[in-house]
Amino acid sequence: MERSGRQIPAHRWRRVQVTEVATPTARVYVDKKHPQVFRAMVAAAEAARGAAADAGLDRRLVELINVRVSQLNGCAYCLDVHTKAALKEGEGVQRLGVLAAWRDAPALFDERERAALALAEATTHPSEEAAQEAAYERARAVLGEEQISAVIWVAIAINAFNRVSILSKHPVRPTR
């Protein structure tokens, strides 16, 4: 067996294989390495939240979008941050608990929320053109242009933060 360019006899390799534990490579926290870029992202996210507020979308809906997009992307760090933010804004535990299956719980989410969530999902997976068109059509039926734009910007912002946290492997720390 060859490991790292050198021959290791089979009898030694088995012992090494049992005792060696692979450790994950430390990641660069890109937000810390280039803080000026991260500050610009924060400013963009704040502007998106402001656009949502100006368009008449409440902060609870913005946080639902943040949580749903983070679920789709599998970003544990952002899920932790935005679940707490949603609860702080008055969002209910039940709705957060079923958010991943919002389509199957129409009694919990109004038409405007469902349209915004569908549009946020389409923003997260833009290559799914049929879903994107259906989401846009649904959004046009219940949201104005300012609201559609704001939902898309909120989804774009959280998608960017998800990538920063996923690729940096930001840890989720237990709350006490």
N, C-alpha and C. Protein backbone atom coordinates (compact mmCIF):
# COMPACT_ATOMS: atom_id res chain seq x y z
N MET A 1 0.85 -1.18 0.00
CA MET A 1 0.00 0.00 0.00
C MET A 1 0.89 1.23 0.00
N GLU A 2 0.53 2.21 -0.79
CA GLU A 2 1.30 3.44 -0.85
C GLU A 2 0.50 4.56 -0.23
N ARG A 3 1.12 5.31 0.67
CA ARG A 3 0.49 6.47 1.29
C ARG A 3 1.48 7.61 1.28
N SER A 4 1.06 8.73 0.83
CA SER A 4 1.90 9.93 0.81
C SER A 4 3.21 9.70 0.08
N GLY A 5 3.17 8.94 -1.00
CA GLY A 5 4.36 8.77 -1.82
C GLY A 5 5.38 7.79 -1.28
N ARG A 6 5.10 7.10 -0.18
CA ARG A 6 6.07 6.12 0.31
C ARG A 6 5.38 4.79 0.51
N GLN A 7 6.15 3.72 0.39
CA GLN A 7 5.62 2.38 0.56
C GLN A 7 5.47 2.06 2.04
N ILE A 8 4.35 1.54 2.42
CA ILE A 8 4.13 1.09 3.79
C ILE A 8 3.77 -0.39 3.70
N PRO A 9 4.51 -1.24 4.39
CA PRO A 9 4.19 -2.66 4.36
C PRO A 9 2.76 -2.89 4.83
N ALA A 10 2.09 -3.90 4.25
CA ALA A 10 0.68 -4.17 4.56
C ALA A 10 0.44 -4.37 6.04
N HIS A 11 1.36 -5.06 6.73
CA HIS A 11 1.13 -5.30 8.15
C HIS A 11 1.17 -3.99 8.95
N ARG A 12 1.96 -3.02 8.54
CA ARG A 12 2.01 -1.72 9.21
C ARG A 12 0.83 -0.85 8.78
N TRP A 13 0.41 -0.96 7.55
CA TRP A 13 -0.68 -0.14 7.05
C TRP A 13 -1.97 -0.39 7.83
N ARG A 14 -2.24 -1.65 8.13
CA ARG A 14 -3.45 -1.96 8.88
C ARG A 14 -3.43 -1.29 10.25
N ARG A 15 -2.28 -1.32 10.91
CA ARG A 15 -2.16 -0.68 12.23
C ARG A 15 -2.35 0.84 12.09
N VAL A 16 -1.73 1.41 11.09
CA VAL A 16 -1.85 2.85 10.86
C VAL A 16 -3.29 3.21 10.53
N GLN A 17 -3.94 2.41 9.72
CA GLN A 17 -5.31 2.69 9.33
C GLN A 17 -6.24 2.69 10.54
N VAL A 18 -6.01 1.84 11.50
CA VAL A 18 -6.84 1.76 12.68
C VAL A 18 -6.57 2.93 13.63
N THR A 19 -5.32 3.35 13.75
CA THR A 19 -4.99 4.37 14.74
C THR A 19 -5.04 5.79 14.20
N GLU A 20 -4.89 5.96 12.89
CA GLU A 20 -4.95 7.33 12.33
C GLU A 20 -6.38 7.77 12.21
N VAL A 21 -6.63 8.99 12.61
CA VAL A 21 -7.96 9.58 12.47
C VAL A 21 -7.82 10.81 11.60
N ALA A 22 -8.62 10.83 10.54
CA ALA A 22 -8.57 11.98 9.65
C ALA A 22 -9.18 13.18 10.37
N THR A 23 -8.48 14.29 10.34
CA THR A 23 -9.01 15.51 10.92
C THR A 23 -9.35 16.47 9.79
N PRO A 24 -10.47 17.16 9.92
CA PRO A 24 -10.83 18.09 8.85
C PRO A 24 -9.80 19.22 8.75
N THR A 25 -9.56 19.62 7.55
CA THR A 25 -8.65 20.72 7.32
C THR A 25 -9.31 22.00 7.82
N ALA A 26 -8.53 22.79 8.54
CA ALA A 26 -9.05 24.07 9.04
C ALA A 26 -9.45 24.93 7.85
N ARG A 27 -10.53 25.63 8.00
CA ARG A 27 -11.03 26.49 6.94
C ARG A 27 -10.64 27.93 7.21
N VAL A 28 -10.55 28.67 6.16
CA VAL A 28 -10.33 30.11 6.26
C VAL A 28 -11.69 30.75 6.49
N TYR A 29 -11.78 31.57 7.50
CA TYR A 29 -13.00 32.35 7.71
C TYR A 29 -12.90 33.53 6.75
N VAL A 30 -13.57 33.41 5.61
CA VAL A 30 -13.42 34.43 4.57
C VAL A 30 -13.93 35.79 5.03
N ASP A 31 -14.89 35.79 5.96
CA ASP A 31 -15.38 37.06 6.49
C ASP A 31 -14.31 37.77 7.31
N LYS A 32 -13.46 37.01 7.96
CA LYS A 32 -12.37 37.60 8.75
C LYS A 32 -11.16 37.93 7.88
N LYS A 33 -10.92 37.13 6.87
CA LYS A 33 -9.76 37.34 5.99
C LYS A 33 -9.94 38.60 5.14
N HIS A 34 -11.14 38.86 4.71
CA HIS A 34 -11.44 40.06 3.91
C HIS A 34 -12.65 40.78 4.52
N PRO A 35 -12.45 41.44 5.65
CA PRO A 35 -13.58 42.06 6.36
C PRO A 35 -14.26 43.16 5.55
N GLN A 36 -13.52 43.83 4.66
CA GLN A 36 -14.14 44.88 3.86
C GLN A 36 -15.21 44.30 2.93
N VAL A 37 -14.97 43.10 2.41
CA VAL A 37 -15.97 42.45 1.56
C VAL A 37 -17.17 42.04 2.40
N PHE A 38 -16.90 41.49 3.58
CA PHE A 38 -17.98 41.08 4.47
C PHE A 38 -18.83 42.28 4.89
N ARG A 39 -18.19 43.40 5.21
CA ARG A 39 -18.94 44.61 5.58
C ARG A 39 -19.84 45.06 4.42
N ALA A 40 -19.35 44.93 3.19
CA ALA A 40 -20.17 45.29 2.03
C ALA A 40 -21.37 44.35 1.91
N MET A 41 -21.16 43.06 2.22
CA MET A 41 -22.28 42.11 2.21
C MET A 41 -23.30 42.45 3.28
N VAL A 42 -22.82 42.81 4.46
CA VAL A 42 -23.71 43.19 5.55
C VAL A 42 -24.52 44.42 5.13
N ALA A 43 -23.87 45.38 4.52
CA ALA A 43 -24.57 46.59 4.05
C ALA A 43 -25.62 46.23 3.01
N ALA A 44 -25.29 45.32 2.11
CA ALA A 44 -26.26 44.89 1.10
C ALA A 44 -27.46 44.19 1.75
N ALA A 45 -27.20 43.34 2.74
CA ALA A 45 -28.28 42.65 3.44
C ALA A 45 -29.17 43.66 4.19
N GLU A 46 -28.54 44.65 4.81
CA GLU A 46 -29.32 45.69 5.50
C GLU A 46 -30.17 46.47 4.52
N ALA A 47 -29.61 46.76 3.34
CA ALA A 47 -30.37 47.46 2.31
C ALA A 47 -31.54 46.60 1.83
N ALA A 48 -31.33 45.29 1.70
CA ALA A 48 -32.41 44.39 1.29
C ALA A 48 -33.52 44.35 2.34
N ARG A 49 -33.13 44.31 3.62
CA ARG A 49 -34.13 44.34 4.70
C ARG A 49 -34.89 45.67 4.67
N GLY A 50 -34.18 46.76 4.42
CA GLY A 50 -34.82 48.07 4.31
C GLY A 50 -35.79 48.12 3.15
N ALA A 51 -35.39 47.56 2.01
CA ALA A 51 -36.27 47.51 0.85
C ALA A 51 -37.52 46.69 1.15
N ALA A 52 -37.34 45.59 1.90
CA ALA A 52 -38.49 44.77 2.27
C ALA A 52 -39.44 45.55 3.17
N ALA A 53 -38.89 46.25 4.15
CA ALA A 53 -39.73 47.05 5.05
C ALA A 53 -40.45 48.15 4.27
N ASP A 54 -39.71 48.83 3.39
CA ASP A 54 -40.31 49.90 2.58
C ASP A 54 -41.42 49.37 1.67
N ALA A 55 -41.29 48.10 1.26
CA ALA A 55 -42.28 47.49 0.37
C ALA A 55 -43.47 46.91 1.15
N GLY A 56 -43.41 47.02 2.48
CA GLY A 56 -44.52 46.54 3.30
C GLY A 56 -44.40 45.09 3.73
N LEU A 57 -43.22 44.52 3.62
CA LEU A 57 -43.00 43.14 4.07
C LEU A 57 -42.43 43.20 5.49
N ASP A 58 -43.07 42.51 6.41
CA ASP A 58 -42.61 42.60 7.80
C ASP A 58 -41.37 41.74 8.04
N ARG A 59 -40.72 42.03 9.14
CA ARG A 59 -39.46 41.37 9.48
C ARG A 59 -39.64 39.87 9.71
N ARG A 60 -40.82 39.46 10.19
CA ARG A 60 -41.06 38.02 10.36
C ARG A 60 -40.97 37.30 9.04
N LEU A 61 -41.54 37.88 7.98
CA LEU A 61 -41.47 37.25 6.66
C LEU A 61 -40.03 37.22 6.15
N VAL A 62 -39.30 38.30 6.38
CA VAL A 62 -37.89 38.32 5.98
C VAL A 62 -37.14 37.19 6.68
N GLU A 63 -37.41 36.98 7.96
CA GLU A 63 -36.73 35.91 8.69
C GLU A 63 -37.19 34.53 8.22
N LEU A 64 -38.47 34.39 7.86
CA LEU A 64 -38.92 33.12 7.27
C LEU A 64 -38.15 32.82 5.99
N ILE A 65 -37.95 33.83 5.17
CA ILE A 65 -37.17 33.66 3.94
C ILE A 65 -35.74 33.25 4.30
N ASN A 66 -35.15 33.94 5.26
CA ASN A 66 -33.77 33.62 5.67
C ASN A 66 -33.66 32.17 6.17
N VAL A 67 -34.62 31.74 6.95
CA VAL A 67 -34.58 30.37 7.47
C VAL A 67 -34.80 29.37 6.34
N ARG A 68 -35.79 29.63 5.49
CA ARG A 68 -36.09 28.66 4.41
C ARG A 68 -34.91 28.51 3.46
N VAL A 69 -34.32 29.60 3.05
CA VAL A 69 -33.17 29.53 2.14
C VAL A 69 -32.01 28.81 2.82
N SER A 70 -31.80 29.07 4.09
CA SER A 70 -30.74 28.41 4.84
C SER A 70 -31.00 26.91 4.97
N GLN A 71 -32.27 26.52 5.08
CA GLN A 71 -32.62 25.10 5.07
C GLN A 71 -32.24 24.48 3.74
N LEU A 72 -32.61 25.14 2.66
CA LEU A 72 -32.31 24.61 1.32
C LEU A 72 -30.81 24.43 1.10
N ASN A 73 -30.04 25.39 1.62
CA ASN A 73 -28.60 25.35 1.43
C ASN A 73 -27.88 24.50 2.48
N GLY A 74 -28.58 24.12 3.53
CA GLY A 74 -27.97 23.33 4.59
C GLY A 74 -26.95 24.10 5.40
N CYS A 75 -27.25 25.36 5.68
CA CYS A 75 -26.32 26.20 6.44
C CYS A 75 -26.71 26.23 7.91
N ALA A 76 -26.05 25.40 8.70
CA ALA A 76 -26.36 25.29 10.12
C ALA A 76 -26.19 26.62 10.85
N TYR A 77 -25.11 27.33 10.55
CA TYR A 77 -24.84 28.59 11.23
C TYR A 77 -25.96 29.60 10.98
N CYS A 78 -26.35 29.79 9.73
CA CYS A 78 -27.39 30.76 9.41
C CYS A 78 -28.76 30.30 9.91
N LEU A 79 -29.00 28.99 9.93
CA LEU A 79 -30.24 28.49 10.52
C LEU A 79 -30.31 28.85 11.99
N ASP A 80 -29.21 28.70 12.70
CA ASP A 80 -29.16 29.05 14.12
C ASP A 80 -29.45 30.54 14.31
N VAL A 81 -28.74 31.37 13.57
CA VAL A 81 -28.89 32.82 13.70
C VAL A 81 -30.31 33.28 13.36
N HIS A 82 -30.84 32.79 12.24
CA HIS A 82 -32.12 33.32 11.77
C HIS A 82 -33.33 32.67 12.42
N THR A 83 -33.18 31.46 12.95
CA THR A 83 -34.26 30.90 13.76
C THR A 83 -34.43 31.72 15.02
N LYS A 84 -33.31 32.06 15.66
CA LYS A 84 -33.37 32.91 16.85
C LYS A 84 -33.96 34.28 16.52
N ALA A 85 -33.56 34.85 15.38
CA ALA A 85 -34.08 36.16 14.98
C ALA A 85 -35.57 36.09 14.71
N ALA A 86 -36.02 35.02 14.06
CA ALA A 86 -37.45 34.86 13.78
C ALA A 86 -38.25 34.76 15.08
N LEU A 87 -37.75 33.99 16.01
CA LEU A 87 -38.44 33.87 17.31
C LEU A 87 -38.49 35.21 18.02
N LYS A 88 -37.39 35.96 17.95
CA LYS A 88 -37.33 37.29 18.58
C LYS A 88 -38.36 38.23 17.94
N GLU A 89 -38.59 38.08 16.65
CA GLU A 89 -39.55 38.93 15.94
C GLU A 89 -41.00 38.47 16.14
N GLY A 90 -41.18 37.39 16.91
CA GLY A 90 -42.54 36.93 17.20
C GLY A 90 -43.02 35.77 16.37
N GLU A 91 -42.14 35.20 15.57
CA GLU A 91 -42.53 34.02 14.78
C GLU A 91 -42.80 32.86 15.72
N GLY A 92 -43.74 32.00 15.33
CA GLY A 92 -44.12 30.88 16.17
C GLY A 92 -43.28 29.63 15.95
N VAL A 93 -43.15 28.86 16.99
CA VAL A 93 -42.39 27.62 16.93
C VAL A 93 -43.01 26.65 15.93
N GLN A 94 -44.34 26.57 15.90
CA GLN A 94 -44.99 25.65 14.98
C GLN A 94 -44.65 25.96 13.53
N ARG A 95 -44.77 27.23 13.16
CA ARG A 95 -44.49 27.60 11.76
C ARG A 95 -43.02 27.36 11.42
N LEU A 96 -42.12 27.67 12.34
CA LEU A 96 -40.70 27.39 12.09
C LEU A 96 -40.46 25.90 11.97
N GLY A 97 -41.16 25.13 12.77
CA GLY A 97 -40.99 23.68 12.75
C GLY A 97 -41.44 23.03 11.45
N VAL A 98 -42.45 23.59 10.81
CA VAL A 98 -42.95 23.00 9.56
C VAL A 98 -42.54 23.79 8.32
N LEU A 99 -41.70 24.78 8.49
CA LEU A 99 -41.32 25.63 7.37
C LEU A 99 -40.74 24.84 6.19
N ALA A 100 -39.98 23.80 6.46
CA ALA A 100 -39.40 23.01 5.37
C ALA A 100 -40.48 22.36 4.51
N ALA A 101 -41.66 22.19 5.07
CA ALA A 101 -42.79 21.58 4.35
C ALA A 101 -43.95 22.57 4.24
N TRP A 102 -43.65 23.84 4.04
CA TRP A 102 -44.69 24.88 4.04
C TRP A 102 -45.79 24.62 3.02
N ARG A 103 -45.47 23.98 1.91
CA ARG A 103 -46.50 23.70 0.89
C ARG A 103 -47.57 22.74 1.42
N ASP A 104 -47.18 21.90 2.37
CA ASP A 104 -48.11 20.93 2.94
C ASP A 104 -48.85 21.45 4.17
N ALA A 105 -48.64 22.70 4.50
CA ALA A 105 -49.30 23.31 5.66
C ALA A 105 -49.93 24.65 5.26
N PRO A 106 -50.86 24.62 4.30
CA PRO A 106 -51.42 25.90 3.81
C PRO A 106 -52.19 26.69 4.87
N ALA A 107 -52.66 26.04 5.90
CA ALA A 107 -53.39 26.76 6.94
C ALA A 107 -52.47 27.62 7.79
N LEU A 108 -51.15 27.33 7.75
CA LEU A 108 -50.20 28.07 8.59
C LEU A 108 -49.57 29.27 7.90
N PHE A 109 -49.59 29.30 6.57
CA PHE A 109 -48.93 30.37 5.81
C PHE A 109 -49.93 30.99 4.85
N ASP A 110 -50.05 32.32 4.91
CA ASP A 110 -51.01 32.97 4.01
C ASP A 110 -50.46 33.02 2.58
N GLU A 111 -51.30 33.45 1.67
CA GLU A 111 -50.94 33.43 0.25
C GLU A 111 -49.70 34.28 -0.04
N ARG A 112 -49.60 35.42 0.60
CA ARG A 112 -48.44 36.29 0.40
C ARG A 112 -47.16 35.62 0.88
N GLU A 113 -47.22 34.97 2.04
CA GLU A 113 -46.05 34.26 2.56
C GLU A 113 -45.67 33.10 1.64
N ARG A 114 -46.67 32.35 1.17
CA ARG A 114 -46.39 31.22 0.28
C ARG A 114 -45.76 31.71 -1.03
N ALA A 115 -46.25 32.84 -1.54
CA ALA A 115 -45.67 33.39 -2.77
C ALA A 115 -44.22 33.82 -2.54
N ALA A 116 -43.97 34.46 -1.41
CA ALA A 116 -42.61 34.91 -1.09
C ALA A 116 -41.67 33.72 -0.88
N LEU A 117 -42.13 32.69 -0.20
CA LEU A 117 -41.29 31.50 0.02
C LEU A 117 -40.98 30.80 -1.30
N ALA A 118 -41.98 30.68 -2.17
CA ALA A 118 -41.74 30.06 -3.48
C ALA A 118 -40.74 30.87 -4.29
N LEU A 119 -40.86 32.18 -4.24
CA LEU A 119 -39.93 33.04 -4.98
C LEU A 119 -38.52 32.96 -4.40
N ALA A 120 -38.41 32.88 -3.08
CA ALA A 120 -37.10 32.74 -2.44
C ALA A 120 -36.46 31.40 -2.83
N GLU A 121 -37.27 30.35 -2.89
CA GLU A 121 -36.75 29.04 -3.32
C GLU A 121 -36.28 29.09 -4.77
N ALA A 122 -37.06 29.76 -5.62
CA ALA A 122 -36.68 29.89 -7.03
C ALA A 122 -35.40 30.71 -7.18
N THR A 123 -35.21 31.68 -6.31
CA THR A 123 -33.98 32.48 -6.33
C THR A 123 -32.79 31.62 -5.90
N THR A 124 -33.03 30.71 -4.98
CA THR A 124 -31.98 29.84 -4.47
C THR A 124 -31.58 28.78 -5.50
N HIS A 125 -32.55 28.31 -6.27
CA HIS A 125 -32.31 27.30 -7.31
C HIS A 125 -32.74 27.85 -8.67
N PRO A 126 -32.02 28.85 -9.20
CA PRO A 126 -32.48 29.51 -10.42
C PRO A 126 -32.45 28.63 -11.68
N SER A 127 -31.74 27.53 -11.64
CA SER A 127 -31.67 26.68 -12.83
C SER A 127 -32.94 25.87 -13.04
N GLU A 128 -33.79 25.80 -12.04
CA GLU A 128 -35.06 25.09 -12.17
C GLU A 128 -36.08 26.06 -12.77
N GLU A 129 -36.01 26.19 -14.09
CA GLU A 129 -36.77 27.23 -14.78
C GLU A 129 -38.28 27.11 -14.63
N ALA A 130 -38.82 25.92 -14.68
CA ALA A 130 -40.27 25.75 -14.54
C ALA A 130 -40.73 26.22 -13.16
N ALA A 131 -40.00 25.86 -12.13
CA ALA A 131 -40.34 26.30 -10.77
C ALA A 131 -40.19 27.81 -10.66
N GLN A 132 -39.18 28.35 -11.30
CA GLN A 132 -38.96 29.80 -11.26
C GLN A 132 -40.13 30.54 -11.91
N GLU A 133 -40.57 30.07 -13.06
CA GLU A 133 -41.69 30.72 -13.74
C GLU A 133 -42.97 30.62 -12.93
N ALA A 134 -43.22 29.45 -12.35
CA ALA A 134 -44.42 29.27 -11.53
C ALA A 134 -44.37 30.17 -10.30
N ALA A 135 -43.21 30.26 -9.67
CA ALA A 135 -43.07 31.11 -8.48
C ALA A 135 -43.26 32.57 -8.83
N TYR A 136 -42.72 32.98 -9.96
CA TYR A 136 -42.85 34.38 -10.36
C TYR A 136 -44.31 34.71 -10.67
N GLU A 137 -44.99 33.79 -11.33
CA GLU A 137 -46.40 34.00 -11.66
C GLU A 137 -47.24 34.09 -10.37
N ARG A 138 -46.96 33.22 -9.43
CA ARG A 138 -47.66 33.24 -8.15
C ARG A 138 -47.39 34.55 -7.41
N ALA A 139 -46.14 34.97 -7.42
CA ALA A 139 -45.76 36.21 -6.75
C ALA A 139 -46.47 37.41 -7.39
N ARG A 140 -46.53 37.44 -8.70
CA ARG A 140 -47.19 38.56 -9.39
C ARG A 140 -48.67 38.67 -9.03
N ALA A 141 -49.28 37.54 -8.68
CA ALA A 141 -50.70 37.53 -8.33
C ALA A 141 -50.97 38.17 -6.97
N VAL A 142 -49.99 38.14 -6.06
CA VAL A 142 -50.26 38.64 -4.71
C VAL A 142 -49.26 39.67 -4.19
N LEU A 143 -48.16 39.85 -4.89
CA LEU A 143 -47.14 40.81 -4.46
C LEU A 143 -46.96 41.88 -5.53
N GLY A 144 -46.66 43.08 -5.09
CA GLY A 144 -46.34 44.15 -6.03
C GLY A 144 -44.88 44.03 -6.49
N GLU A 145 -44.54 44.83 -7.47
CA GLU A 145 -43.17 44.78 -8.00
C GLU A 145 -42.11 45.09 -6.94
N GLU A 146 -42.40 46.06 -6.08
CA GLU A 146 -41.45 46.40 -5.01
C GLU A 146 -41.26 45.20 -4.08
N GLN A 147 -42.33 44.51 -3.76
CA GLN A 147 -42.26 43.36 -2.88
C GLN A 147 -41.52 42.20 -3.54
N ILE A 148 -41.79 41.96 -4.80
CA ILE A 148 -41.09 40.90 -5.54
C ILE A 148 -39.60 41.17 -5.54
N SER A 149 -39.24 42.39 -5.86
CA SER A 149 -37.83 42.76 -5.88
C SER A 149 -37.19 42.59 -4.51
N ALA A 150 -37.90 43.03 -3.47
CA ALA A 150 -37.36 42.92 -2.11
C ALA A 150 -37.17 41.47 -1.70
N VAL A 151 -38.14 40.60 -2.00
CA VAL A 151 -38.00 39.17 -1.68
C VAL A 151 -36.78 38.59 -2.37
N ILE A 152 -36.61 38.91 -3.63
CA ILE A 152 -35.46 38.39 -4.37
C ILE A 152 -34.16 38.89 -3.75
N TRP A 153 -34.09 40.17 -3.39
CA TRP A 153 -32.87 40.70 -2.77
C TRP A 153 -32.58 40.07 -1.41
N VAL A 154 -33.62 39.84 -0.63
CA VAL A 154 -33.43 39.17 0.67
C VAL A 154 -32.89 37.76 0.43
N ALA A 155 -33.46 37.05 -0.53
CA ALA A 155 -32.99 35.69 -0.83
C ALA A 155 -31.56 35.69 -1.37
N ILE A 156 -31.23 36.65 -2.21
CA ILE A 156 -29.86 36.75 -2.72
C ILE A 156 -28.89 36.97 -1.56
N ALA A 157 -29.26 37.87 -0.65
CA ALA A 157 -28.37 38.19 0.47
C ALA A 157 -28.13 36.96 1.36
N ILE A 158 -29.20 36.25 1.73
CA ILE A 158 -29.00 35.10 2.62
C ILE A 158 -28.28 33.98 1.90
N ASN A 159 -28.50 33.83 0.60
CA ASN A 159 -27.73 32.84 -0.16
C ASN A 159 -26.24 33.14 -0.08
N ALA A 160 -25.87 34.41 -0.19
CA ALA A 160 -24.46 34.79 -0.10
C ALA A 160 -23.90 34.48 1.29
N PHE A 161 -24.64 34.83 2.33
CA PHE A 161 -24.18 34.55 3.69
C PHE A 161 -24.09 33.04 3.94
N ASN A 162 -25.03 32.28 3.37
CA ASN A 162 -24.95 30.82 3.51
C ASN A 162 -23.64 30.30 2.95
N ARG A 163 -23.24 30.81 1.80
CA ARG A 163 -22.00 30.33 1.19
C ARG A 163 -20.78 30.71 2.04
N VAL A 164 -20.79 31.91 2.59
CA VAL A 164 -19.69 32.33 3.47
C VAL A 164 -19.59 31.39 4.66
N SER A 165 -20.71 31.12 5.31
CA SER A 165 -20.69 30.29 6.51
C SER A 165 -20.42 28.83 6.21
N ILE A 166 -20.97 28.31 5.13
CA ILE A 166 -20.74 26.91 4.77
C ILE A 166 -19.27 26.69 4.40
N LEU A 167 -18.74 27.55 3.55
CA LEU A 167 -17.36 27.36 3.09
C LEU A 167 -16.34 27.68 4.17
N SER A 168 -16.71 28.55 5.12
CA SER A 168 -15.82 28.85 6.24
C SER A 168 -16.00 27.85 7.37
N LYS A 169 -17.06 27.06 7.30
CA LYS A 169 -17.43 26.13 8.37
C LYS A 169 -17.58 26.85 9.71
N HIS A 170 -18.36 27.93 9.68
CA HIS A 170 -18.65 28.64 10.93
C HIS A 170 -19.34 27.68 11.89
N PRO A 171 -18.87 27.62 13.12
CA PRO A 171 -19.45 26.66 14.07
C PRO A 171 -20.75 27.17 14.69
N VAL A 172 -21.61 26.24 15.01
CA VAL A 172 -22.81 26.55 15.77
C VAL A 172 -22.51 26.18 17.20
N ARG A 173 -22.59 27.15 18.07
CA ARG A 173 -22.28 26.93 19.47
C ARG A 173 -23.57 26.69 20.26
N PRO A 174 -23.54 25.73 21.18
CA PRO A 174 -24.74 25.48 21.99
C PRO A 174 -25.11 26.70 22.82
N THR A 175 -26.40 26.95 22.94
CA THR A 175 -26.86 28.03 23.81
C THR A 175 -26.99 27.49 25.22
N ARG A 176 -26.76 28.35 26.14
CA ARG A 176 -26.83 27.92 27.56
C ARG A 176 -27.97 28.53 28.25
